[in-house]
Amino acid sequence: MIITTTETVPNQEVAQILGVARGSTVRARNIGRDIFAGLKNIIGGEIEEYTKLQAQAREQALQRMQQDAQRLGADAIVNVRLATSMVMQGASEILAYGTAVKLK
């Protein structure tokens, strides 16, 4: 499946718009990561554990969006966007969404 942040797929024509495809996940921090992050906050530098957690969450949200698009019968998802929001203290949602389309 073609997934793109652009409104069109180069050298392809959209035959039908099928609707919004979406996928999300909610991830929470854990106490071990928080302790290590607190130490990193004192000495500075990247908090790699949180970077990995966010990367995994993004990938899962994108996979779920793709599954939703497949359910709709899409060949591609255009205009893909990612959003994040805090659900509760220490937990955030990653949302991936785009327009599911059928190509000619």
PDB file of N, CA and C in Angstrom:
ATOM      1  N   MET A   1       0.853  -1.184   0.000  1.00  0.00           N
ATOM      2  CA  MET A   1       0.000   0.000   0.000  1.00  0.00           C
ATOM      3  C   MET A   1       0.889   1.235   0.000  1.00  0.00           C
ATOM      4  N   ILE A   2       0.505   2.210  -0.785  1.00  0.00           N
ATOM      5  CA  ILE A   2       1.243   3.470  -0.846  1.00  0.00           C
ATOM      6  C   ILE A   2       0.740   4.371   0.281  1.00  0.00           C
ATOM      7  N   ILE A   3       1.677   4.893   1.048  1.00  0.00           N
ATOM      8  CA  ILE A   3       1.347   5.825   2.134  1.00  0.00           C
ATOM      9  C   ILE A   3       2.177   7.073   1.915  1.00  0.00           C
ATOM     10  N   THR A   4       1.518   8.225   1.809  1.00  0.00           N
ATOM     11  CA  THR A   4       2.237   9.463   1.515  1.00  0.00           C
ATOM     12  C   THR A   4       1.636  10.656   2.260  1.00  0.00           C
ATOM     13  N   THR A   5       2.495  11.624   2.525  1.00  0.00           N
ATOM     14  CA  THR A   5       2.025  12.853   3.172  1.00  0.00           C
ATOM     15  C   THR A   5       1.542  13.874   2.144  1.00  0.00           C
ATOM     16  N   THR A   6       1.728  13.575   0.865  1.00  0.00           N
ATOM     17  CA  THR A   6       1.275  14.488  -0.188  1.00  0.00           C
ATOM     18  C   THR A   6      -0.195  14.232  -0.508  1.00  0.00           C
ATOM     19  N   GLU A   7      -0.801  15.168  -1.237  1.00  0.00           N
ATOM     20  CA  GLU A   7      -2.217  15.045  -1.574  1.00  0.00           C
ATOM     21  C   GLU A   7      -2.462  14.094  -2.741  1.00  0.00           C
ATOM     22  N   THR A   8      -1.426  13.804  -3.501  1.00  0.00           N
ATOM     23  CA  THR A   8      -1.548  12.916  -4.646  1.00  0.00           C
ATOM     24  C   THR A   8      -0.403  11.916  -4.643  1.00  0.00           C
ATOM     25  N   VAL A   9      -0.544  10.889  -5.473  1.00  0.00           N
ATOM     26  CA  VAL A   9       0.510   9.906  -5.677  1.00  0.00           C
ATOM     27  C   VAL A   9       1.088  10.195  -7.059  1.00  0.00           C
ATOM     28  N   PRO A  10       2.380  10.471  -7.164  1.00  0.00           N
ATOM     29  CA  PRO A  10       2.971  10.779  -8.476  1.00  0.00           C
ATOM     30  C   PRO A  10       2.670   9.690  -9.509  1.00  0.00           C
ATOM     31  N   ASN A  11       2.305  10.141 -10.697  1.00  0.00           N
ATOM     32  CA  ASN A  11       2.005   9.257 -11.834  1.00  0.00           C
ATOM     33  C   ASN A  11       0.814   8.331 -11.591  1.00  0.00           C
ATOM     34  N   GLN A  12      -0.031   8.675 -10.637  1.00  0.00           N
ATOM     35  CA  GLN A  12      -1.238   7.901 -10.344  1.00  0.00           C
ATOM     36  C   GLN A  12      -2.428   8.845 -10.275  1.00  0.00           C
ATOM     37  N   GLU A  13      -3.583   8.319 -10.602  1.00  0.00           N
ATOM     38  CA  GLU A  13      -4.798   9.115 -10.528  1.00  0.00           C
ATOM     39  C   GLU A  13      -5.749   8.489  -9.518  1.00  0.00           C
ATOM     40  N   VAL A  14      -6.326   9.322  -8.673  1.00  0.00           N
ATOM     41  CA  VAL A  14      -7.280   8.835  -7.678  1.00  0.00           C
ATOM     42  C   VAL A  14      -8.614   8.579  -8.366  1.00  0.00           C
ATOM     43  N   ALA A  15      -9.098   7.354  -8.243  1.00  0.00           N
ATOM     44  CA  ALA A  15     -10.377   6.984  -8.839  1.00  0.00           C
ATOM     45  C   ALA A  15     -11.527   7.207  -7.865  1.00  0.00           C
ATOM     46  N   GLN A  16     -11.237   7.010  -6.575  1.00  0.00           N
ATOM     47  CA  GLN A  16     -12.301   7.108  -5.575  1.00  0.00           C
ATOM     48  C   GLN A  16     -11.714   7.413  -4.208  1.00  0.00           C
ATOM     49  N   ILE A  17     -12.378   8.300  -3.489  1.00  0.00           N
ATOM     50  CA  ILE A  17     -12.025   8.578  -2.102  1.00  0.00           C
ATOM     51  C   ILE A  17     -12.912   7.692  -1.237  1.00  0.00           C
ATOM     52  N   LEU A  18     -12.280   6.894  -0.377  1.00  0.00           N
ATOM     53  CA  LEU A  18     -13.016   5.920   0.426  1.00  0.00           C
ATOM     54  C   LEU A  18     -13.320   6.394   1.840  1.00  0.00           C
ATOM     55  N   GLY A  19     -12.636   7.436   2.281  1.00  0.00           N
ATOM     56  CA  GLY A  19     -12.876   7.952   3.620  1.00  0.00           C
ATOM     57  C   GLY A  19     -11.587   8.101   4.406  1.00  0.00           C
ATOM     58  N   VAL A  20     -11.737   8.436   5.662  1.00  0.00           N
ATOM     59  CA  VAL A  20     -10.585   8.645   6.533  1.00  0.00           C
ATOM     60  C   VAL A  20     -10.130   7.293   7.090  1.00  0.00           C
ATOM     61  N   ALA A  21      -8.834   7.045   6.953  1.00  0.00           N
ATOM     62  CA  ALA A  21      -8.225   5.870   7.582  1.00  0.00           C
ATOM     63  C   ALA A  21      -7.509   6.377   8.823  1.00  0.00           C
ATOM     64  N   ARG A  22      -7.649   5.653   9.916  1.00  0.00           N
ATOM     65  CA  ARG A  22      -7.029   6.115  11.161  1.00  0.00           C
ATOM     66  C   ARG A  22      -6.505   4.943  11.967  1.00  0.00           C
ATOM     67  N   GLY A  23      -5.514   5.243  12.756  1.00  0.00           N
ATOM     68  CA  GLY A  23      -4.966   4.262  13.676  1.00  0.00           C
ATOM     69  C   GLY A  23      -4.361   4.996  14.852  1.00  0.00           C
ATOM     70  N   SER A  24      -4.517   4.441  16.028  1.00  0.00           N
ATOM     71  CA  SER A  24      -3.963   5.111  17.204  1.00  0.00           C
ATOM     72  C   SER A  24      -3.469   4.103  18.222  1.00  0.00           C
ATOM     73  N   THR A  25      -2.669   4.598  19.134  1.00  0.00           N
ATOM     74  CA  THR A  25      -2.205   3.812  20.263  1.00  0.00           C
ATOM     75  C   THR A  25      -1.976   4.759  21.429  1.00  0.00           C
ATOM     76  N   VAL A  26      -2.157   4.267  22.614  1.00  0.00           N
ATOM     77  CA  VAL A  26      -1.886   5.035  23.835  1.00  0.00           C
ATOM     78  C   VAL A  26      -0.756   4.331  24.560  1.00  0.00           C
ATOM     79  N   ARG A  27       0.273   5.078  24.858  1.00  0.00           N
ATOM     80  CA  ARG A  27       1.434   4.515  25.548  1.00  0.00           C
ATOM     81  C   ARG A  27       1.658   5.261  26.857  1.00  0.00           C
ATOM     82  N   ALA A  28       2.111   4.503  27.840  1.00  0.00           N
ATOM     83  CA  ALA A  28       2.402   5.082  29.155  1.00  0.00           C
ATOM     84  C   ALA A  28       3.871   4.894  29.481  1.00  0.00           C
ATOM     85  N   ARG A  29       4.394   5.830  30.235  1.00  0.00           N
ATOM     86  CA  ARG A  29       5.768   5.706  30.738  1.00  0.00           C
ATOM     87  C   ARG A  29       5.773   4.670  31.844  1.00  0.00           C
ATOM     88  N   ASN A  30       6.980   4.214  32.207  1.00  0.00           N
ATOM     89  CA  ASN A  30       7.063   3.335  33.367  1.00  0.00           C
ATOM     90  C   ASN A  30       8.082   3.890  34.352  1.00  0.00           C
ATOM     91  N   ILE A  31       8.035   3.422  35.560  1.00  0.00           N
ATOM     92  CA  ILE A  31       8.851   3.984  36.645  1.00  0.00           C
ATOM     93  C   ILE A  31      10.344   3.867  36.358  1.00  0.00           C
ATOM     94  N   GLY A  32      10.773   2.758  35.753  1.00  0.00           N
ATOM     95  CA  GLY A  32      12.191   2.591  35.421  1.00  0.00           C
ATOM     96  C   GLY A  32      12.674   3.647  34.447  1.00  0.00           C
ATOM     97  N   ARG A  33      11.889   3.881  33.421  1.00  0.00           N
ATOM     98  CA  ARG A  33      12.246   4.916  32.445  1.00  0.00           C
ATOM     99  C   ARG A  33      12.225   6.299  33.088  1.00  0.00           C
ATOM    100  N   ASP A  34      11.263   6.530  33.963  1.00  0.00           N
ATOM    101  CA  ASP A  34      11.150   7.837  34.608  1.00  0.00           C
ATOM    102  C   ASP A  34      12.359   8.145  35.482  1.00  0.00           C
ATOM    103  N   ILE A  35      12.864   7.144  36.188  1.00  0.00           N
ATOM    104  CA  ILE A  35      14.044   7.354  37.037  1.00  0.00           C
ATOM    105  C   ILE A  35      15.241   7.699  36.163  1.00  0.00           C
ATOM    106  N   PHE A  36      15.444   6.928  35.104  1.00  0.00           N
ATOM    107  CA  PHE A  36      16.558   7.183  34.192  1.00  0.00           C
ATOM    108  C   PHE A  36      16.402   8.547  33.518  1.00  0.00           C
ATOM    109  N   ALA A  37      15.170   8.906  33.134  1.00  0.00           N
ATOM    110  CA  ALA A  37      14.912  10.198  32.505  1.00  0.00           C
ATOM    111  C   ALA A  37      15.223  11.341  33.466  1.00  0.00           C
ATOM    112  N   GLY A  38      14.914  11.145  34.732  1.00  0.00           N
ATOM    113  CA  GLY A  38      15.227  12.166  35.736  1.00  0.00           C
ATOM    114  C   GLY A  38      16.717  12.405  35.838  1.00  0.00           C
ATOM    115  N   LEU A  39      17.497  11.335  35.777  1.00  0.00           N
ATOM    116  CA  LEU A  39      18.957  11.474  35.797  1.00  0.00           C
ATOM    117  C   LEU A  39      19.454  12.189  34.541  1.00  0.00           C
ATOM    118  N   LYS A  40      18.905  11.815  33.396  1.00  0.00           N
ATOM    119  CA  LYS A  40      19.287  12.471  32.138  1.00  0.00           C
ATOM    120  C   LYS A  40      18.926  13.952  32.169  1.00  0.00           C
ATOM    121  N   ASN A  41      17.839  14.272  32.830  1.00  0.00           N
ATOM    122  CA  ASN A  41      17.403  15.659  32.924  1.00  0.00           C
ATOM    123  C   ASN A  41      18.425  16.492  33.691  1.00  0.00           C
ATOM    124  N   ILE A  42      19.101  15.870  34.641  1.00  0.00           N
ATOM    125  CA  ILE A  42      20.113  16.574  35.435  1.00  0.00           C
ATOM    126  C   ILE A  42      21.389  16.781  34.619  1.00  0.00           C
ATOM    127  N   ILE A  43      21.833  15.731  33.927  1.00  0.00           N
ATOM    128  CA  ILE A  43      23.108  15.831  33.196  1.00  0.00           C
ATOM    129  C   ILE A  43      22.938  16.240  31.737  1.00  0.00           C
ATOM    130  N   GLY A  44      21.721  16.164  31.224  1.00  0.00           N
ATOM    131  CA  GLY A  44      21.457  16.564  29.848  1.00  0.00           C
ATOM    132  C   GLY A  44      21.616  15.409  28.870  1.00  0.00           C
ATOM    133  N   GLY A  45      21.123  15.610  27.670  1.00  0.00           N
ATOM    134  CA  GLY A  45      21.232  14.603  26.630  1.00  0.00           C
ATOM    135  C   GLY A  45      19.888  13.999  26.265  1.00  0.00           C
ATOM    136  N   GLU A  46      19.927  13.222  25.202  1.00  0.00           N
ATOM    137  CA  GLU A  46      18.714  12.573  24.711  1.00  0.00           C
ATOM    138  C   GLU A  46      18.264  11.478  25.674  1.00  0.00           C
ATOM    139  N   ILE A  47      16.981  11.383  25.867  1.00  0.00           N
ATOM    140  CA  ILE A  47      16.405  10.318  26.680  1.00  0.00           C
ATOM    141  C   ILE A  47      15.986   9.222  25.701  1.00  0.00           C
ATOM    142  N   GLU A  48      16.919   8.330  25.426  1.00  0.00           N
ATOM    143  CA  GLU A  48      16.739   7.330  24.381  1.00  0.00           C
ATOM    144  C   GLU A  48      15.563   6.403  24.633  1.00  0.00           C
ATOM    145  N   GLU A  49      15.261   6.103  25.881  1.00  0.00           N
ATOM    146  CA  GLU A  49      14.138   5.219  26.195  1.00  0.00           C
ATOM    147  C   GLU A  49      12.822   5.836  25.713  1.00  0.00           C
ATOM    148  N   TYR A  50      12.658   7.133  25.918  1.00  0.00           N
ATOM    149  CA  TYR A  50      11.436   7.804  25.460  1.00  0.00           C
ATOM    150  C   TYR A  50      11.426   7.934  23.946  1.00  0.00           C
ATOM    151  N   THR A  51      12.582   8.160  23.335  1.00  0.00           N
ATOM    152  CA  THR A  51      12.670   8.222  21.879  1.00  0.00           C
ATOM    153  C   THR A  51      12.207   6.903  21.273  1.00  0.00           C
ATOM    154  N   LYS A  52      12.687   5.783  21.842  1.00  0.00           N
ATOM    155  CA  LYS A  52      12.286   4.457  21.356  1.00  0.00           C
ATOM    156  C   LYS A  52      10.797   4.217  21.577  1.00  0.00           C
ATOM    157  N   LEU A  53      10.289   4.611  22.740  1.00  0.00           N
ATOM    158  CA  LEU A  53       8.875   4.433  23.051  1.00  0.00           C
ATOM    159  C   LEU A  53       8.008   5.181  22.042  1.00  0.00           C
ATOM    160  N   GLN A  54       8.368   6.415  21.731  1.00  0.00           N
ATOM    161  CA  GLN A  54       7.601   7.215  20.773  1.00  0.00           C
ATOM    162  C   GLN A  54       7.695   6.640  19.360  1.00  0.00           C
ATOM    163  N   ALA A  55       8.876   6.153  18.978  1.00  0.00           N
ATOM    164  CA  ALA A  55       9.052   5.557  17.652  1.00  0.00           C
ATOM    165  C   ALA A  55       8.177   4.305  17.512  1.00  0.00           C
ATOM    166  N   GLN A  56       8.148   3.476  18.538  1.00  0.00           N
ATOM    167  CA  GLN A  56       7.314   2.277  18.512  1.00  0.00           C
ATOM    168  C   GLN A  56       5.835   2.642  18.431  1.00  0.00           C
ATOM    169  N   ALA A  57       5.435   3.670  19.160  1.00  0.00           N
ATOM    170  CA  ALA A  57       4.047   4.112  19.153  1.00  0.00           C
ATOM    171  C   ALA A  57       3.658   4.642  17.773  1.00  0.00           C
ATOM    172  N   ARG A  58       4.531   5.425  17.147  1.00  0.00           N
ATOM    173  CA  ARG A  58       4.254   5.935  15.795  1.00  0.00           C
ATOM    174  C   ARG A  58       4.078   4.789  14.808  1.00  0.00           C
ATOM    175  N   GLU A  59       4.982   3.813  14.852  1.00  0.00           N
ATOM    176  CA  GLU A  59       4.901   2.676  13.934  1.00  0.00           C
ATOM    177  C   GLU A  59       3.610   1.885  14.129  1.00  0.00           C
ATOM    178  N   GLN A  60       3.220   1.683  15.382  1.00  0.00           N
ATOM    179  CA  GLN A  60       1.987   0.953  15.639  1.00  0.00           C
ATOM    180  C   GLN A  60       0.774   1.730  15.124  1.00  0.00           C
ATOM    181  N   ALA A  61       0.742   3.032  15.338  1.00  0.00           N
ATOM    182  CA  ALA A  61      -0.368   3.856  14.853  1.00  0.00           C
ATOM    183  C   ALA A  61      -0.430   3.817  13.323  1.00  0.00           C
ATOM    184  N   LEU A  62       0.725   3.879  12.652  1.00  0.00           N
ATOM    185  CA  LEU A  62       0.754   3.811  11.187  1.00  0.00           C
ATOM    186  C   LEU A  62       0.272   2.444  10.689  1.00  0.00           C
ATOM    187  N   GLN A  63       0.678   1.382  11.361  1.00  0.00           N
ATOM    188  CA  GLN A  63       0.224   0.038  10.972  1.00  0.00           C
ATOM    189  C   GLN A  63      -1.287  -0.090  11.125  1.00  0.00           C
ATOM    190  N   ARG A  64      -1.814   0.440  12.203  1.00  0.00           N
ATOM    191  CA  ARG A  64      -3.266   0.368  12.426  1.00  0.00           C
ATOM    192  C   ARG A  64      -4.023   1.209  11.404  1.00  0.00           C
ATOM    193  N   MET A  65      -3.449   2.348  11.010  1.00  0.00           N
ATOM    194  CA  MET A  65      -4.061   3.172   9.966  1.00  0.00           C
ATOM    195  C   MET A  65      -4.097   2.390   8.656  1.00  0.00           C
ATOM    196  N   GLN A  66      -3.001   1.716   8.331  1.00  0.00           N
ATOM    197  CA  GLN A  66      -2.937   0.935   7.106  1.00  0.00           C
ATOM    198  C   GLN A  66      -3.965  -0.204   7.135  1.00  0.00           C
ATOM    199  N   GLN A  67      -4.120  -0.858   8.265  1.00  0.00           N
ATOM    200  CA  GLN A  67      -5.125  -1.916   8.388  1.00  0.00           C
ATOM    201  C   GLN A  67      -6.530  -1.360   8.188  1.00  0.00           C
ATOM    202  N   ASP A  68      -6.787  -0.168   8.708  1.00  0.00           N
ATOM    203  CA  ASP A  68      -8.092   0.469   8.536  1.00  0.00           C
ATOM    204  C   ASP A  68      -8.328   0.775   7.062  1.00  0.00           C
ATOM    205  N   ALA A  69      -7.301   1.249   6.369  1.00  0.00           N
ATOM    206  CA  ALA A  69      -7.420   1.550   4.941  1.00  0.00           C
ATOM    207  C   ALA A  69      -7.664   0.273   4.130  1.00  0.00           C
ATOM    208  N   GLN A  70      -7.001  -0.809   4.500  1.00  0.00           N
ATOM    209  CA  GLN A  70      -7.220  -2.087   3.817  1.00  0.00           C
ATOM    210  C   GLN A  70      -8.658  -2.552   4.009  1.00  0.00           C
ATOM    211  N   ARG A  71      -9.180  -2.353   5.199  1.00  0.00           N
ATOM    212  CA  ARG A  71     -10.575  -2.709   5.481  1.00  0.00           C
ATOM    213  C   ARG A  71     -11.530  -1.932   4.576  1.00  0.00           C
ATOM    214  N   LEU A  72     -11.140  -0.696   4.236  1.00  0.00           N
ATOM    215  CA  LEU A  72     -11.951   0.136   3.350  1.00  0.00           C
ATOM    216  C   LEU A  72     -11.751  -0.217   1.869  1.00  0.00           C
ATOM    217  N   GLY A  73     -10.756  -1.046   1.579  1.00  0.00           N
ATOM    218  CA  GLY A  73     -10.470  -1.428   0.196  1.00  0.00           C
ATOM    219  C   GLY A  73      -9.538  -0.472  -0.530  1.00  0.00           C
ATOM    220  N   ALA A  74      -8.720   0.259   0.207  1.00  0.00           N
ATOM    221  CA  ALA A  74      -7.847   1.279  -0.379  1.00  0.00           C
ATOM    222  C   ALA A  74      -6.594   0.681  -1.010  1.00  0.00           C
ATOM    223  N   ASP A  75      -6.090   1.401  -2.026  1.00  0.00           N
ATOM    224  CA  ASP A  75      -4.794   1.114  -2.639  1.00  0.00           C
ATOM    225  C   ASP A  75      -3.712   2.006  -2.046  1.00  0.00           C
ATOM    226  N   ALA A  76      -4.140   3.146  -1.509  1.00  0.00           N
ATOM    227  CA  ALA A  76      -3.189   4.137  -0.996  1.00  0.00           C
ATOM    228  C   ALA A  76      -3.846   4.974   0.087  1.00  0.00           C
ATOM    229  N   ILE A  77      -2.994   5.639   0.870  1.00  0.00           N
ATOM    230  CA  ILE A  77      -3.453   6.617   1.860  1.00  0.00           C
ATOM    231  C   ILE A  77      -2.674   7.891   1.579  1.00  0.00           C
ATOM    232  N   VAL A  78      -3.399   8.956   1.281  1.00  0.00           N
ATOM    233  CA  VAL A  78      -2.762  10.234   0.968  1.00  0.00           C
ATOM    234  C   VAL A  78      -2.993  11.228   2.095  1.00  0.00           C
ATOM    235  N   ASN A  79      -2.177  12.266   2.083  1.00  0.00           N
ATOM    236  CA  ASN A  79      -2.307  13.356   3.052  1.00  0.00           C
ATOM    237  C   ASN A  79      -2.208  12.842   4.497  1.00  0.00           C
ATOM    238  N   VAL A  80      -1.262  11.933   4.744  1.00  0.00           N
ATOM    239  CA  VAL A  80      -1.103  11.310   6.063  1.00  0.00           C
ATOM    240  C   VAL A  80      -0.542  12.325   7.060  1.00  0.00           C
ATOM    241  N   ARG A  81      -1.091  12.304   8.243  1.00  0.00           N
ATOM    242  CA  ARG A  81      -0.652  13.182   9.324  1.00  0.00           C
ATOM    243  C   ARG A  81      -0.530  12.373  10.610  1.00  0.00           C
ATOM    244  N   LEU A  82       0.283  12.879  11.519  1.00  0.00           N
ATOM    245  CA  LEU A  82       0.431  12.295  12.856  1.00  0.00           C
ATOM    246  C   LEU A  82       0.091  13.369  13.879  1.00  0.00           C
ATOM    247  N   ALA A  83      -0.589  12.974  14.918  1.00  0.00           N
ATOM    248  CA  ALA A  83      -0.928  13.902  16.006  1.00  0.00           C
ATOM    249  C   ALA A  83      -0.699  13.184  17.321  1.00  0.00           C
ATOM    250  N   THR A  84      -0.445  13.954  18.344  1.00  0.00           N
ATOM    251  CA  THR A  84      -0.271  13.382  19.674  1.00  0.00           C
ATOM    252  C   THR A  84      -1.023  14.224  20.690  1.00  0.00           C
ATOM    253  N   SER A  85      -1.480  13.556  21.727  1.00  0.00           N
ATOM    254  CA  SER A  85      -2.163  14.273  22.806  1.00  0.00           C
ATOM    255  C   SER A  85      -1.948  13.518  24.105  1.00  0.00           C
ATOM    256  N   MET A  86      -1.970  14.254  25.187  1.00  0.00           N
ATOM    257  CA  MET A  86      -1.831  13.641  26.501  1.00  0.00           C
ATOM    258  C   MET A  86      -3.205  13.157  26.939  1.00  0.00           C
ATOM    259  N   VAL A  87      -3.297  11.882  27.272  1.00  0.00           N
ATOM    260  CA  VAL A  87      -4.558  11.286  27.696  1.00  0.00           C
ATOM    261  C   VAL A  87      -4.730  11.445  29.203  1.00  0.00           C
ATOM    262  N   MET A  88      -3.638  11.224  29.917  1.00  0.00           N
ATOM    263  CA  MET A  88      -3.603  11.394  31.364  1.00  0.00           C
ATOM    264  C   MET A  88      -2.143  11.603  31.746  1.00  0.00           C
ATOM    265  N   GLN A  89      -1.871  11.915  32.979  1.00  0.00           N
ATOM    266  CA  GLN A  89      -0.497  12.118  33.422  1.00  0.00           C
ATOM    267  C   GLN A  89       0.332  10.881  33.106  1.00  0.00           C
ATOM    268  N   GLY A  90       1.362  11.038  32.287  1.00  0.00           N
ATOM    269  CA  GLY A  90       2.261   9.930  31.975  1.00  0.00           C
ATOM    270  C   GLY A  90       1.830   9.047  30.822  1.00  0.00           C
ATOM    271  N   ALA A  91       0.714   9.372  30.153  1.00  0.00           N
ATOM    272  CA  ALA A  91       0.249   8.565  29.021  1.00  0.00           C
ATOM    273  C   ALA A  91      -0.158   9.480  27.871  1.00  0.00           C
ATOM    274  N   SER A  92       0.287   9.128  26.671  1.00  0.00           N
ATOM    275  CA  SER A  92      -0.079   9.936  25.517  1.00  0.00           C
ATOM    276  C   SER A  92      -0.571   9.052  24.380  1.00  0.00           C
ATOM    277  N   GLU A  93      -1.402   9.655  23.543  1.00  0.00           N
ATOM    278  CA  GLU A  93      -1.937   8.973  22.373  1.00  0.00           C
ATOM    279  C   GLU A  93      -1.197   9.469  21.145  1.00  0.00           C
ATOM    280  N   ILE A  94      -0.874   8.549  20.256  1.00  0.00           N
ATOM    281  CA  ILE A  94      -0.356   8.885  18.937  1.00  0.00           C
ATOM    282  C   ILE A  94      -1.445   8.487  17.954  1.00  0.00           C
ATOM    283  N   LEU A  95      -1.844   9.414  17.102  1.00  0.00           N
ATOM    284  CA  LEU A  95      -2.880   9.176  16.108  1.00  0.00           C
ATOM    285  C   LEU A  95      -2.288   9.386  14.727  1.00  0.00           C
ATOM    286  N   ALA A  96      -2.464   8.404  13.856  1.00  0.00           N
ATOM    287  CA  ALA A  96      -2.081   8.524  12.446  1.00  0.00           C
ATOM    288  C   ALA A  96      -3.371   8.526  11.636  1.00  0.00           C
ATOM    289  N   TYR A  97      -3.498   9.462  10.693  1.00  0.00           N
ATOM    290  CA  TYR A  97      -4.708   9.515   9.887  1.00  0.00           C
ATOM    291  C   TYR A  97      -4.402  10.053   8.499  1.00  0.00           C
ATOM    292  N   GLY A  98      -5.236   9.683   7.564  1.00  0.00           N
ATOM    293  CA  GLY A  98      -5.093  10.131   6.193  1.00  0.00           C
ATOM    294  C   GLY A  98      -6.326   9.755   5.407  1.00  0.00           C
ATOM    295  N   THR A  99      -6.323  10.089   4.118  1.00  0.00           N
ATOM    296  CA  THR A  99      -7.442   9.794   3.246  1.00  0.00           C
ATOM    297  C   THR A  99      -7.176   8.501   2.494  1.00  0.00           C
ATOM    298  N   ALA A 100      -8.031   7.522   2.691  1.00  0.00           N
ATOM    299  CA  ALA A 100      -7.931   6.239   1.984  1.00  0.00           C
ATOM    300  C   ALA A 100      -8.499   6.429   0.597  1.00  0.00           C
ATOM    301  N   VAL A 101      -7.733   6.013  -0.420  1.00  0.00           N
ATOM    302  CA  VAL A 101      -8.169   6.191  -1.810  1.00  0.00           C
ATOM    303  C   VAL A 101      -7.982   4.919  -2.610  1.00  0.00           C
ATOM    304  N   LYS A 102      -8.756   4.819  -3.686  1.00  0.00           N
ATOM    305  CA  LYS A 102      -8.612   3.772  -4.684  1.00  0.00           C
ATOM    306  C   LYS A 102      -7.976   4.440  -5.888  1.00  0.00           C
ATOM    307  N   LEU A 103      -6.920   3.844  -6.428  1.00  0.00           N
ATOM    308  CA  LEU A 103      -6.221   4.397  -7.582  1.00  0.00           C
ATOM    309  C   LEU A 103      -6.721   3.760  -8.867  1.00  0.00           C
ATOM    310  N   LYS A 104      -6.595   4.495  -9.986  1.00  0.00           N
ATOM    311  CA  LYS A 104      -6.970   3.941 -11.299  1.00  0.00           C
ATOM    312  C   LYS A 104      -5.905   3.002 -11.773  1.00  0.00           C
TER     313      LYS A 104
END
